[in-house]
Amino acid sequence: MNLIIALLILFGALVIFIAGIGILRLPNLLSRMHAVTKVSSFGLLLLLIAINLFALDLGVFIKTIIIFFVLINLSPMASFLLAKVSKEMDDNETNNE
């Protein structure tokens, strides 16, 4: 069981690290937002599964489910708002020229 938990933590951290590299390396805002919202959500899911397997407690399970659903709901909203603001800024720059 400890090996499975360790592997989940390792893969979750690796996925989040790759998302961080994507933020630095991808060329535009929309690509960066994709790396943040999709990849980091998967990495966090792996970490939350590892936490549940380690604790084996109903209270921890409920808290991690709440954390995951808040992340799943807020991440797309934040991405939408960033994309909307980016588009409005581009439109304003085009109109000012």
PDB file of N, CA and C in Angstrom:
ATOM      1  N   MET A   1       0.825  -1.196   0.000  1.00  0.00           N
ATOM      2  CA  MET A   1       0.000   0.000   0.000  1.00  0.00           C
ATOM      3  C   MET A   1       0.871   1.262   0.000  1.00  0.00           C
ATOM      4  N   ASN A   2       1.970   1.222   0.771  1.00  0.00           N
ATOM      5  CA  ASN A   2       2.856   2.383   0.810  1.00  0.00           C
ATOM      6  C   ASN A   2       3.490   2.668  -0.546  1.00  0.00           C
ATOM      7  N   LEU A   3       3.765   1.609  -1.301  1.00  0.00           N
ATOM      8  CA  LEU A   3       4.343   1.789  -2.638  1.00  0.00           C
ATOM      9  C   LEU A   3       3.341   2.478  -3.569  1.00  0.00           C
ATOM     10  N   ILE A   4       2.081   2.082  -3.495  1.00  0.00           N
ATOM     11  CA  ILE A   4       1.052   2.708  -4.328  1.00  0.00           C
ATOM     12  C   ILE A   4       0.896   4.184  -3.956  1.00  0.00           C
ATOM     13  N   ILE A   5       0.888   4.483  -2.671  1.00  0.00           N
ATOM     14  CA  ILE A   5       0.780   5.870  -2.220  1.00  0.00           C
ATOM     15  C   ILE A   5       1.974   6.684  -2.704  1.00  0.00           C
ATOM     16  N   ALA A   6       3.166   6.106  -2.570  1.00  0.00           N
ATOM     17  CA  ALA A   6       4.375   6.807  -3.019  1.00  0.00           C
ATOM     18  C   ALA A   6       4.338   7.064  -4.520  1.00  0.00           C
ATOM     19  N   LEU A   7       3.882   6.078  -5.299  1.00  0.00           N
ATOM     20  CA  LEU A   7       3.805   6.261  -6.749  1.00  0.00           C
ATOM     21  C   LEU A   7       2.771   7.323  -7.126  1.00  0.00           C
ATOM     22  N   LEU A   8       1.634   7.333  -6.444  1.00  0.00           N
ATOM     23  CA  LEU A   8       0.619   8.361  -6.717  1.00  0.00           C
ATOM     24  C   LEU A   8       1.158   9.753  -6.411  1.00  0.00           C
ATOM     25  N   ILE A   9       1.860   9.898  -5.294  1.00  0.00           N
ATOM     26  CA  ILE A   9       2.445  11.188  -4.950  1.00  0.00           C
ATOM     27  C   ILE A   9       3.496  11.588  -5.971  1.00  0.00           C
ATOM     28  N   LEU A  10       4.331  10.638  -6.367  1.00  0.00           N
ATOM     29  CA  LEU A  10       5.371  10.921  -7.350  1.00  0.00           C
ATOM     30  C   LEU A  10       4.771  11.339  -8.692  1.00  0.00           C
ATOM     31  N   PHE A  11       3.784  10.583  -9.195  1.00  0.00           N
ATOM     32  CA  PHE A  11       3.164  10.913 -10.478  1.00  0.00           C
ATOM     33  C   PHE A  11       2.386  12.221 -10.394  1.00  0.00           C
ATOM     34  N   GLY A  12       1.698  12.459  -9.269  1.00  0.00           N
ATOM     35  CA  GLY A  12       0.973  13.710  -9.097  1.00  0.00           C
ATOM     36  C   GLY A  12       1.912  14.912  -9.098  1.00  0.00           C
ATOM     37  N   ALA A  13       3.012  14.797  -8.381  1.00  0.00           N
ATOM     38  CA  ALA A  13       3.996  15.878  -8.349  1.00  0.00           C
ATOM     39  C   ALA A  13       4.631  16.079  -9.716  1.00  0.00           C
ATOM     40  N   LEU A  14       4.887  14.987 -10.423  1.00  0.00           N
ATOM     41  CA  LEU A  14       5.467  15.082 -11.763  1.00  0.00           C
ATOM     42  C   LEU A  14       4.511  15.777 -12.727  1.00  0.00           C
ATOM     43  N   VAL A  15       3.239  15.442 -12.662  1.00  0.00           N
ATOM     44  CA  VAL A  15       2.244  16.073 -13.537  1.00  0.00           C
ATOM     45  C   VAL A  15       2.138  17.561 -13.235  1.00  0.00           C
ATOM     46  N   ILE A  16       2.130  17.930 -11.960  1.00  0.00           N
ATOM     47  CA  ILE A  16       2.068  19.341 -11.596  1.00  0.00           C
ATOM     48  C   ILE A  16       3.343  20.061 -12.024  1.00  0.00           C
ATOM     49  N   PHE A  17       4.481  19.403 -11.916  1.00  0.00           N
ATOM     50  CA  PHE A  17       5.737  19.995 -12.375  1.00  0.00           C
ATOM     51  C   PHE A  17       5.706  20.238 -13.889  1.00  0.00           C
ATOM     52  N   ILE A  18       5.176  19.282 -14.631  1.00  0.00           N
ATOM     53  CA  ILE A  18       5.059  19.445 -16.083  1.00  0.00           C
ATOM     54  C   ILE A  18       4.123  20.610 -16.409  1.00  0.00           C
ATOM     55  N   ALA A  19       3.050  20.765 -15.639  1.00  0.00           N
ATOM     56  CA  ALA A  19       2.151  21.912 -15.836  1.00  0.00           C
ATOM     57  C   ALA A  19       2.890  23.225 -15.584  1.00  0.00           C
ATOM     58  N   GLY A  20       3.737  23.238 -14.574  1.00  0.00           N
ATOM     59  CA  GLY A  20       4.532  24.435 -14.297  1.00  0.00           C
ATOM     60  C   GLY A  20       5.496  24.755 -15.429  1.00  0.00           C
ATOM     61  N   ILE A  21       6.109  23.736 -15.996  1.00  0.00           N
ATOM     62  CA  ILE A  21       6.984  23.953 -17.148  1.00  0.00           C
ATOM     63  C   ILE A  21       6.167  24.474 -18.334  1.00  0.00           C
ATOM     64  N   GLY A  22       4.946  23.944 -18.487  1.00  0.00           N
ATOM     65  CA  GLY A  22       4.076  24.416 -19.562  1.00  0.00           C
ATOM     66  C   GLY A  22       3.737  25.883 -19.427  1.00  0.00           C
ATOM     67  N   ILE A  23       3.572  26.351 -18.207  1.00  0.00           N
ATOM     68  CA  ILE A  23       3.295  27.772 -17.992  1.00  0.00           C
ATOM     69  C   ILE A  23       4.466  28.614 -18.479  1.00  0.00           C
ATOM     70  N   LEU A  24       5.660  28.141 -18.233  1.00  0.00           N
ATOM     71  CA  LEU A  24       6.847  28.902 -18.632  1.00  0.00           C
ATOM     72  C   LEU A  24       7.151  28.796 -20.121  1.00  0.00           C
ATOM     73  N   ARG A  25       6.892  27.640 -20.727  1.00  0.00           N
ATOM     74  CA  ARG A  25       7.370  27.383 -22.077  1.00  0.00           C
ATOM     75  C   ARG A  25       6.350  27.605 -23.191  1.00  0.00           C
ATOM     76  N   LEU A  26       5.062  27.507 -22.877  1.00  0.00           N
ATOM     77  CA  LEU A  26       4.067  27.621 -23.943  1.00  0.00           C
ATOM     78  C   LEU A  26       3.989  29.061 -24.454  1.00  0.00           C
ATOM     79  N   PRO A  27       3.649  29.242 -25.730  1.00  0.00           N
ATOM     80  CA  PRO A  27       3.830  30.539 -26.374  1.00  0.00           C
ATOM     81  C   PRO A  27       2.777  31.608 -26.050  1.00  0.00           C
ATOM     82  N   ASN A  28       1.537  31.227 -25.780  1.00  0.00           N
ATOM     83  CA  ASN A  28       0.520  32.269 -25.585  1.00  0.00           C
ATOM     84  C   ASN A  28      -0.341  31.963 -24.369  1.00  0.00           C
ATOM     85  N   LEU A  29      -1.179  32.921 -24.037  1.00  0.00           N
ATOM     86  CA  LEU A  29      -1.986  32.823 -22.827  1.00  0.00           C
ATOM     87  C   LEU A  29      -2.941  31.633 -22.861  1.00  0.00           C
ATOM     88  N   LEU A  30      -3.589  31.398 -23.982  1.00  0.00           N
ATOM     89  CA  LEU A  30      -4.562  30.312 -24.049  1.00  0.00           C
ATOM     90  C   LEU A  30      -3.909  28.951 -23.849  1.00  0.00           C
ATOM     91  N   SER A  31      -2.737  28.760 -24.403  1.00  0.00           N
ATOM     92  CA  SER A  31      -2.013  27.497 -24.193  1.00  0.00           C
ATOM     93  C   SER A  31      -1.604  27.341 -22.738  1.00  0.00           C
ATOM     94  N   ARG A  32      -1.168  28.425 -22.135  1.00  0.00           N
ATOM     95  CA  ARG A  32      -0.768  28.371 -20.730  1.00  0.00           C
ATOM     96  C   ARG A  32      -1.954  28.058 -19.832  1.00  0.00           C
ATOM     97  N   MET A  33      -3.098  28.646 -20.137  1.00  0.00           N
ATOM     98  CA  MET A  33      -4.293  28.378 -19.340  1.00  0.00           C
ATOM     99  C   MET A  33      -4.683  26.909 -19.435  1.00  0.00           C
ATOM    100  N   HIS A  34      -4.530  26.317 -20.594  1.00  0.00           N
ATOM    101  CA  HIS A  34      -4.850  24.898 -20.762  1.00  0.00           C
ATOM    102  C   HIS A  34      -3.945  24.045 -19.875  1.00  0.00           C
ATOM    103  N   ALA A  35      -2.670  24.384 -19.845  1.00  0.00           N
ATOM    104  CA  ALA A  35      -1.730  23.628 -19.011  1.00  0.00           C
ATOM    105  C   ALA A  35      -2.102  23.741 -17.538  1.00  0.00           C
ATOM    106  N   VAL A  36      -2.494  24.921 -17.124  1.00  0.00           N
ATOM    107  CA  VAL A  36      -2.817  25.121 -15.716  1.00  0.00           C
ATOM    108  C   VAL A  36      -4.102  24.400 -15.329  1.00  0.00           C
ATOM    109  N   THR A  37      -5.143  24.564 -16.118  1.00  0.00           N
ATOM    110  CA  THR A  37      -6.446  24.051 -15.696  1.00  0.00           C
ATOM    111  C   THR A  37      -6.558  22.542 -15.838  1.00  0.00           C
ATOM    112  N   LYS A  38      -6.122  22.002 -16.926  1.00  0.00           N
ATOM    113  CA  LYS A  38      -6.333  20.572 -17.165  1.00  0.00           C
ATOM    114  C   LYS A  38      -5.288  19.713 -16.467  1.00  0.00           C
ATOM    115  N   VAL A  39      -4.045  20.033 -16.688  1.00  0.00           N
ATOM    116  CA  VAL A  39      -2.975  19.170 -16.205  1.00  0.00           C
ATOM    117  C   VAL A  39      -2.838  19.249 -14.690  1.00  0.00           C
ATOM    118  N   SER A  40      -2.907  20.450 -14.132  1.00  0.00           N
ATOM    119  CA  SER A  40      -2.743  20.559 -12.686  1.00  0.00           C
ATOM    120  C   SER A  40      -3.926  19.959 -11.939  1.00  0.00           C
ATOM    121  N   SER A  41      -5.133  19.991 -12.523  1.00  0.00           N
ATOM    122  CA  SER A  41      -6.286  19.348 -11.880  1.00  0.00           C
ATOM    123  C   SER A  41      -6.069  17.844 -11.788  1.00  0.00           C
ATOM    124  N   PHE A  42      -5.524  17.255 -12.826  1.00  0.00           N
ATOM    125  CA  PHE A  42      -5.233  15.815 -12.805  1.00  0.00           C
ATOM    126  C   PHE A  42      -4.153  15.497 -11.772  1.00  0.00           C
ATOM    127  N   GLY A  43      -3.127  16.335 -11.704  1.00  0.00           N
ATOM    128  CA  GLY A  43      -2.068  16.122 -10.717  1.00  0.00           C
ATOM    129  C   GLY A  43      -2.594  16.222  -9.298  1.00  0.00           C
ATOM    130  N   LEU A  44      -3.471  17.193  -9.058  1.00  0.00           N
ATOM    131  CA  LEU A  44      -4.049  17.322  -7.727  1.00  0.00           C
ATOM    132  C   LEU A  44      -4.942  16.125  -7.402  1.00  0.00           C
ATOM    133  N   LEU A  45      -5.665  15.614  -8.382  1.00  0.00           N
ATOM    134  CA  LEU A  45      -6.497  14.434  -8.158  1.00  0.00           C
ATOM    135  C   LEU A  45      -5.634  13.249  -7.705  1.00  0.00           C
ATOM    136  N   LEU A  46      -4.499  13.062  -8.347  1.00  0.00           N
ATOM    137  CA  LEU A  46      -3.602  11.972  -7.931  1.00  0.00           C
ATOM    138  C   LEU A  46      -3.118  12.162  -6.499  1.00  0.00           C
ATOM    139  N   LEU A  47      -2.781  13.394  -6.134  1.00  0.00           N
ATOM    140  CA  LEU A  47      -2.336  13.657  -4.767  1.00  0.00           C
ATOM    141  C   LEU A  47      -3.457  13.437  -3.759  1.00  0.00           C
ATOM    142  N   LEU A  48      -4.671  13.836  -4.105  1.00  0.00           N
ATOM    143  CA  LEU A  48      -5.796  13.639  -3.191  1.00  0.00           C
ATOM    144  C   LEU A  48      -6.121  12.165  -3.013  1.00  0.00           C
ATOM    145  N   ILE A  49      -5.990  11.381  -4.062  1.00  0.00           N
ATOM    146  CA  ILE A  49      -6.190   9.933  -3.940  1.00  0.00           C
ATOM    147  C   ILE A  49      -5.137   9.337  -2.996  1.00  0.00           C
ATOM    148  N   ALA A  50      -3.898   9.792  -3.131  1.00  0.00           N
ATOM    149  CA  ALA A  50      -2.831   9.303  -2.244  1.00  0.00           C
ATOM    150  C   ALA A  50      -3.116   9.675  -0.794  1.00  0.00           C
ATOM    151  N   ILE A  51      -3.615  10.889  -0.571  1.00  0.00           N
ATOM    152  CA  ILE A  51      -3.948  11.312   0.793  1.00  0.00           C
ATOM    153  C   ILE A  51      -5.045  10.423   1.371  1.00  0.00           C
ATOM    154  N   ASN A  52      -6.058  10.119   0.558  1.00  0.00           N
ATOM    155  CA  ASN A  52      -7.143   9.258   1.041  1.00  0.00           C
ATOM    156  C   ASN A  52      -6.662   7.850   1.352  1.00  0.00           C
ATOM    157  N   LEU A  53      -5.805   7.308   0.520  1.00  0.00           N
ATOM    158  CA  LEU A  53      -5.286   5.973   0.781  1.00  0.00           C
ATOM    159  C   LEU A  53      -4.410   5.945   2.028  1.00  0.00           C
ATOM    160  N   PHE A  54      -3.691   7.018   2.260  1.00  0.00           N
ATOM    161  CA  PHE A  54      -2.817   7.083   3.437  1.00  0.00           C
ATOM    162  C   PHE A  54      -3.630   7.216   4.725  1.00  0.00           C
ATOM    163  N   ALA A  55      -4.652   8.085   4.707  1.00  0.00           N
ATOM    164  CA  ALA A  55      -5.401   8.360   5.927  1.00  0.00           C
ATOM    165  C   ALA A  55      -6.462   7.301   6.222  1.00  0.00           C
ATOM    166  N   LEU A  56      -7.164   6.843   5.188  1.00  0.00           N
ATOM    167  CA  LEU A  56      -8.270   5.898   5.349  1.00  0.00           C
ATOM    168  C   LEU A  56      -9.252   6.366   6.429  1.00  0.00           C
ATOM    169  N   ASP A  57      -9.678   7.634   6.297  1.00  0.00           N
ATOM    170  CA  ASP A  57     -10.576   8.246   7.272  1.00  0.00           C
ATOM    171  C   ASP A  57     -11.702   8.939   6.515  1.00  0.00           C
ATOM    172  N   LEU A  58     -12.926   8.824   7.025  1.00  0.00           N
ATOM    173  CA  LEU A  58     -14.080   9.426   6.358  1.00  0.00           C
ATOM    174  C   LEU A  58     -13.992  10.948   6.345  1.00  0.00           C
ATOM    175  N   GLY A  59     -13.493  11.553   7.418  1.00  0.00           N
ATOM    176  CA  GLY A  59     -13.363  13.008   7.477  1.00  0.00           C
ATOM    177  C   GLY A  59     -12.394  13.528   6.429  1.00  0.00           C
ATOM    178  N   VAL A  60     -11.284  12.846   6.270  1.00  0.00           N
ATOM    179  CA  VAL A  60     -10.298  13.230   5.250  1.00  0.00           C
ATOM    180  C   VAL A  60     -10.886  13.047   3.859  1.00  0.00           C
ATOM    181  N   PHE A  61     -11.630  11.961   3.673  1.00  0.00           N
ATOM    182  CA  PHE A  61     -12.261  11.708   2.378  1.00  0.00           C
ATOM    183  C   PHE A  61     -13.223  12.831   2.001  1.00  0.00           C
ATOM    184  N   ILE A  62     -14.039  13.241   2.934  1.00  0.00           N
ATOM    185  CA  ILE A  62     -15.008  14.318   2.668  1.00  0.00           C
ATOM    186  C   ILE A  62     -14.282  15.620   2.345  1.00  0.00           C
ATOM    187  N   LYS A  63     -13.248  15.933   3.089  1.00  0.00           N
ATOM    188  CA  LYS A  63     -12.491  17.170   2.841  1.00  0.00           C
ATOM    189  C   LYS A  63     -11.814  17.147   1.474  1.00  0.00           C
ATOM    190  N   THR A  64     -11.237  16.012   1.085  1.00  0.00           N
ATOM    191  CA  THR A  64     -10.577  15.960  -0.214  1.00  0.00           C
ATOM    192  C   THR A  64     -11.582  15.997  -1.362  1.00  0.00           C
ATOM    193  N   ILE A  65     -12.752  15.421  -1.167  1.00  0.00           N
ATOM    194  CA  ILE A  65     -13.801  15.515  -2.192  1.00  0.00           C
ATOM    195  C   ILE A  65     -14.234  16.972  -2.365  1.00  0.00           C
ATOM    196  N   ILE A  66     -14.389  17.679  -1.258  1.00  0.00           N
ATOM    197  CA  ILE A  66     -14.763  19.101  -1.335  1.00  0.00           C
ATOM    198  C   ILE A  66     -13.676  19.890  -2.056  1.00  0.00           C
ATOM    199  N   ILE A  67     -12.418  19.651  -1.711  1.00  0.00           N
ATOM    200  CA  ILE A  67     -11.309  20.347  -2.367  1.00  0.00           C
ATOM    201  C   ILE A  67     -11.316  20.077  -3.863  1.00  0.00           C
ATOM    202  N   PHE A  68     -11.514  18.821  -4.244  1.00  0.00           N
ATOM    203  CA  PHE A  68     -11.486  18.484  -5.663  1.00  0.00           C
ATOM    204  C   PHE A  68     -12.631  19.140  -6.418  1.00  0.00           C
ATOM    205  N   PHE A  69     -13.833  19.107  -5.869  1.00  0.00           N
ATOM    206  CA  PHE A  69     -14.965  19.706  -6.576  1.00  0.00           C
ATOM    207  C   PHE A  69     -14.867  21.229  -6.640  1.00  0.00           C
ATOM    208  N   VAL A  70     -14.300  21.853  -5.621  1.00  0.00           N
ATOM    209  CA  VAL A  70     -14.069  23.302  -5.693  1.00  0.00           C
ATOM    210  C   VAL A  70     -13.066  23.604  -6.803  1.00  0.00           C
ATOM    211  N   LEU A  71     -12.005  22.826  -6.883  1.00  0.00           N
ATOM    212  CA  LEU A  71     -11.008  23.035  -7.937  1.00  0.00           C
ATOM    213  C   LEU A  71     -11.608  22.811  -9.319  1.00  0.00           C
ATOM    214  N   ILE A  72     -12.367  21.743  -9.480  1.00  0.00           N
ATOM    215  CA  ILE A  72     -12.954  21.431 -10.774  1.00  0.00           C
ATOM    216  C   ILE A  72     -13.934  22.516 -11.208  1.00  0.00           C
ATOM    217  N   ASN A  73     -14.631  23.133 -10.259  1.00  0.00           N
ATOM    218  CA  ASN A  73     -15.590  24.176 -10.606  1.00  0.00           C
ATOM    219  C   ASN A  73     -14.944  25.543 -10.789  1.00  0.00           C
ATOM    220  N   LEU A  74     -13.944  25.869  -9.995  1.00  0.00           N
ATOM    221  CA  LEU A  74     -13.343  27.196 -10.076  1.00  0.00           C
ATOM    222  C   LEU A  74     -12.298  27.331 -11.179  1.00  0.00           C
ATOM    223  N   SER A  75     -11.633  26.270 -11.514  1.00  0.00           N
ATOM    224  CA  SER A  75     -10.587  26.334 -12.532  1.00  0.00           C
ATOM    225  C   SER A  75     -11.126  26.761 -13.899  1.00  0.00           C
ATOM    226  N   PRO A  76     -12.214  26.178 -14.406  1.00  0.00           N
ATOM    227  CA  PRO A  76     -12.739  26.656 -15.689  1.00  0.00           C
ATOM    228  C   PRO A  76     -13.259  28.092 -15.629  1.00  0.00           C
ATOM    229  N   MET A  77     -13.831  28.474 -14.487  1.00  0.00           N
ATOM    230  CA  MET A  77     -14.322  29.857 -14.352  1.00  0.00           C
ATOM    231  C   MET A  77     -13.170  30.850 -14.409  1.00  0.00           C
ATOM    232  N   ALA A  78     -12.099  30.538 -13.714  1.00  0.00           N
ATOM    233  CA  ALA A  78     -10.940  31.426 -13.726  1.00  0.00           C
ATOM    234  C   ALA A  78     -10.329  31.501 -15.126  1.00  0.00           C
ATOM    235  N   SER A  79     -10.273  30.382 -15.825  1.00  0.00           N
ATOM    236  CA  SER A  79      -9.740  30.376 -17.188  1.00  0.00           C
ATOM    237  C   SER A  79     -10.618  31.198 -18.125  1.00  0.00           C
ATOM    238  N   PHE A  80     -11.920  31.066 -17.969  1.00  0.00           N
ATOM    239  CA  PHE A  80     -12.838  31.843 -18.794  1.00  0.00           C
ATOM    240  C   PHE A  80     -12.637  33.334 -18.565  1.00  0.00           C
ATOM    241  N   LEU A  81     -12.526  33.736 -17.311  1.00  0.00           N
ATOM    242  CA  LEU A  81     -12.342  35.157 -17.023  1.00  0.00           C
ATOM    243  C   LEU A  81     -11.004  35.671 -17.554  1.00  0.00           C
ATOM    244  N   LEU A  82      -9.950  34.874 -17.436  1.00  0.00           N
ATOM    245  CA  LEU A  82      -8.655  35.283 -17.990  1.00  0.00           C
ATOM    246  C   LEU A  82      -8.723  35.422 -19.510  1.00  0.00           C
ATOM    247  N   ALA A  83      -9.382  34.492 -20.166  1.00  0.00           N
ATOM    248  CA  ALA A  83      -9.505  34.565 -21.621  1.00  0.00           C
ATOM    249  C   ALA A  83     -10.335  35.778 -22.034  1.00  0.00           C
ATOM    250  N   LYS A  84     -11.393  36.053 -21.296  1.00  0.00           N
ATOM    251  CA  LYS A  84     -12.253  37.199 -21.607  1.00  0.00           C
ATOM    252  C   LYS A  84     -11.508  38.516 -21.441  1.00  0.00           C
ATOM    253  N   VAL A  85     -10.770  38.648 -20.350  1.00  0.00           N
ATOM    254  CA  VAL A  85      -9.992  39.864 -20.130  1.00  0.00           C
ATOM    255  C   VAL A  85      -8.904  40.005 -21.183  1.00  0.00           C
ATOM    256  N   SER A  86      -8.260  38.906 -21.535  1.00  0.00           N
ATOM    257  CA  SER A  86      -7.225  38.943 -22.567  1.00  0.00           C
ATOM    258  C   SER A  86      -7.801  39.395 -23.908  1.00  0.00           C
ATOM    259  N   LYS A  87      -8.962  38.871 -24.259  1.00  0.00           N
ATOM    260  CA  LYS A  87      -9.602  39.254 -25.513  1.00  0.00           C
ATOM    261  C   LYS A  87      -9.988  40.727 -25.496  1.00  0.00           C
ATOM    262  N   GLU A  88     -10.533  41.208 -24.372  1.00  0.00           N
ATOM    263  CA  GLU A  88     -10.903  42.615 -24.271  1.00  0.00           C
ATOM    264  C   GLU A  88      -9.675  43.513 -24.352  1.00  0.00           C
ATOM    265  N   MET A  89      -8.567  43.096 -23.762  1.00  0.00           N
ATOM    266  CA  MET A  89      -7.344  43.886 -23.845  1.00  0.00           C
ATOM    267  C   MET A  89      -6.825  43.931 -25.267  1.00  0.00           C
ATOM    268  N   ASP A  90      -6.896  42.816 -25.997  1.00  0.00           N
ATOM    269  CA  ASP A  90      -6.485  42.793 -27.387  1.00  0.00           C
ATOM    270  C   ASP A  90      -7.385  43.671 -28.242  1.00  0.00           C
ATOM    271  N   ASP A  91      -8.691  43.635 -27.967  1.00  0.00           N
ATOM    272  CA  ASP A  91      -9.632  44.475 -28.711  1.00  0.00           C
ATOM    273  C   ASP A  91      -9.359  45.945 -28.437  1.00  0.00           C
ATOM    274  N   ASN A  92      -9.056  46.307 -27.189  1.00  0.00           N
ATOM    275  CA  ASN A  92      -8.762  47.696 -26.850  1.00  0.00           C
ATOM    276  C   ASN A  92      -7.470  48.172 -27.529  1.00  0.00           C
ATOM    277  N   GLU A  93      -6.462  47.303 -27.572  1.00  0.00           N
ATOM    278  CA  GLU A  93      -5.214  47.668 -28.237  1.00  0.00           C
ATOM    279  C   GLU A  93      -5.427  47.857 -29.734  1.00  0.00           C
ATOM    280  N   THR A  94      -6.257  47.029 -30.328  1.00  0.00           N
ATOM    281  CA  THR A  94      -6.543  47.140 -31.762  1.00  0.00           C
ATOM    282  C   THR A  94      -7.307  48.426 -32.043  1.00  0.00           C
ATOM    283  N   ASN A  95      -8.241  48.781 -31.179  1.00  0.00           N
ATOM    284  CA  ASN A  95      -9.028  50.009 -31.386  1.00  0.00           C
ATOM    285  C   ASN A  95      -8.207  51.261 -31.160  1.00  0.00           C
ATOM    286  N   ASN A  96      -7.211  51.208 -30.286  1.00  0.00           N
ATOM    287  CA  ASN A  96      -6.389  52.376 -30.008  1.00  0.00           C
ATOM    288  C   ASN A  96      -5.357  52.659 -31.091  1.00  0.00           C
ATOM    289  N   GLU A  97      -5.073  51.701 -31.931  1.00  0.00           N
ATOM    290  CA  GLU A  97      -4.044  51.890 -32.954  1.00  0.00           C
ATOM    291  C   GLU A  97      -4.580  52.547 -34.173  1.00  0.00           C
TER     292      GLU A  97
END
